[in-house]
Amino acid sequence: MIPFPALQRPVVAAPMAGGPSTPELVAAVCAAGGTGFLAAGYRSPEDVTRQIERTRELTDRPFGVNVFVPAPPDEQPGSSAQQAVLRYGDRLAPLARQLQVELPRVDWADDDAYEDKITALVQARVPLASFTFGVPDGEVVERLHGVGSCVVVTVTDPDEATRAARGGADALVVQGYAAGGHRGTHAVQTIPFDREWAEILRETRTVTSLPVLVAGGVMGNREARLAFDAGAIGVQCGTAFLLTDEAGTSAAHRAGLSEPSLDQSVVTRAFSGRPARGLRNEFVDRYGDATPAVYPGVNQLTAPLRAAAARLEDPQGVALWAGSGWASARTGPAADVVARIAG
């Protein structure tokens, strides 16, 4: 087992794919005594390597990189699921014409360059390698352990925690219902529990003694204290960092988080096909009920629509990923967030 690096302050900046996680944010959190994670999701392996190199230019403290685990072959979408995605594309077509973009042909074999990203992490000898949407297979864990990487797996229930422990994970992130962004359910079709991390953590403790970080709704020291008292080694926070100076959060996303009329947080599949928590906007209202539970096919279809809305700085058309405590997010240096949460 590879130990989780010692934390001067038990605060971890969550990996946030799509832009918010940057080398500057990771370095700022590390400088403040916490640990930051880069997000490899949706980036090319080459870009991931460049971000690792840039982060090492900015900090000499341990940091991590998160990778999305692709669905195993027996969970790949069949013909009926593929047809459902194509029908969803037909529904999105009028919006595509309005935004003057073309919907892509779905690449059913897309695995987000998983193997190449694992190779990049091994070559870079990253201190922490975390995984979302599943458990890496034994060969991947062995390769990472061989270069000294601590393997961390996100789980949302005790069964996933058991599989992660048996699969060689060194630590877990227990994600609760209040967490922003994608739920880390290991199967695409799973409807996530509407339970907070405290309950899931208690149940997880009955099946494994692995070190645990908790995620979901931690915006200040009060929630962090509850986590530490429950036995967590740290708290993983994403939403709290979205508006910080060092985050790469888009202008549309920042505007949405500060828009008074966007006052509801929901779990939706509308943007990616996977359940994810964000603010309820016009896109969610128009398409959320019609979205098939197919990933990454749905994510591919909506990508150009989201990109066009981002260029227009329109918060009604982008995924406003945020946890239930988004209203407490503040602008300013990331170091202030670490200090506020750590106490």
Foldseek 3Di string as FASTA:
>chain_A
DFADDDFQFQEEADADPDFFDALLLQLLQVVLRYEYEHELAPPALVVVLVRLVVNVVRDPDAYYYEDEFFAPPVQQDDPVLVVLLVVLLVVCVVLCVVLVHDFDDFDSPDGSCRVSNLVSCLVSLHQEYEYFLAADALVSLVSNVVSNHQYEYEDAAQVRLLVNVVRPHQEYEHEAQQAWWFHRHNHLPDDGDNGGSLVRLVRNVVRDPHAYEYEHDQQFQVVFVVCVVSPHSHYHYHLQSNQEPRTRNFLLLVVLLVDPVQQDWDFFCQQALHTGIFTDAQSCVSGRVSRHSHPRSSNSRLVVQQVSCSVVSHNRRHGNIHGPVNNSHDYYHSSVSSVRRSD
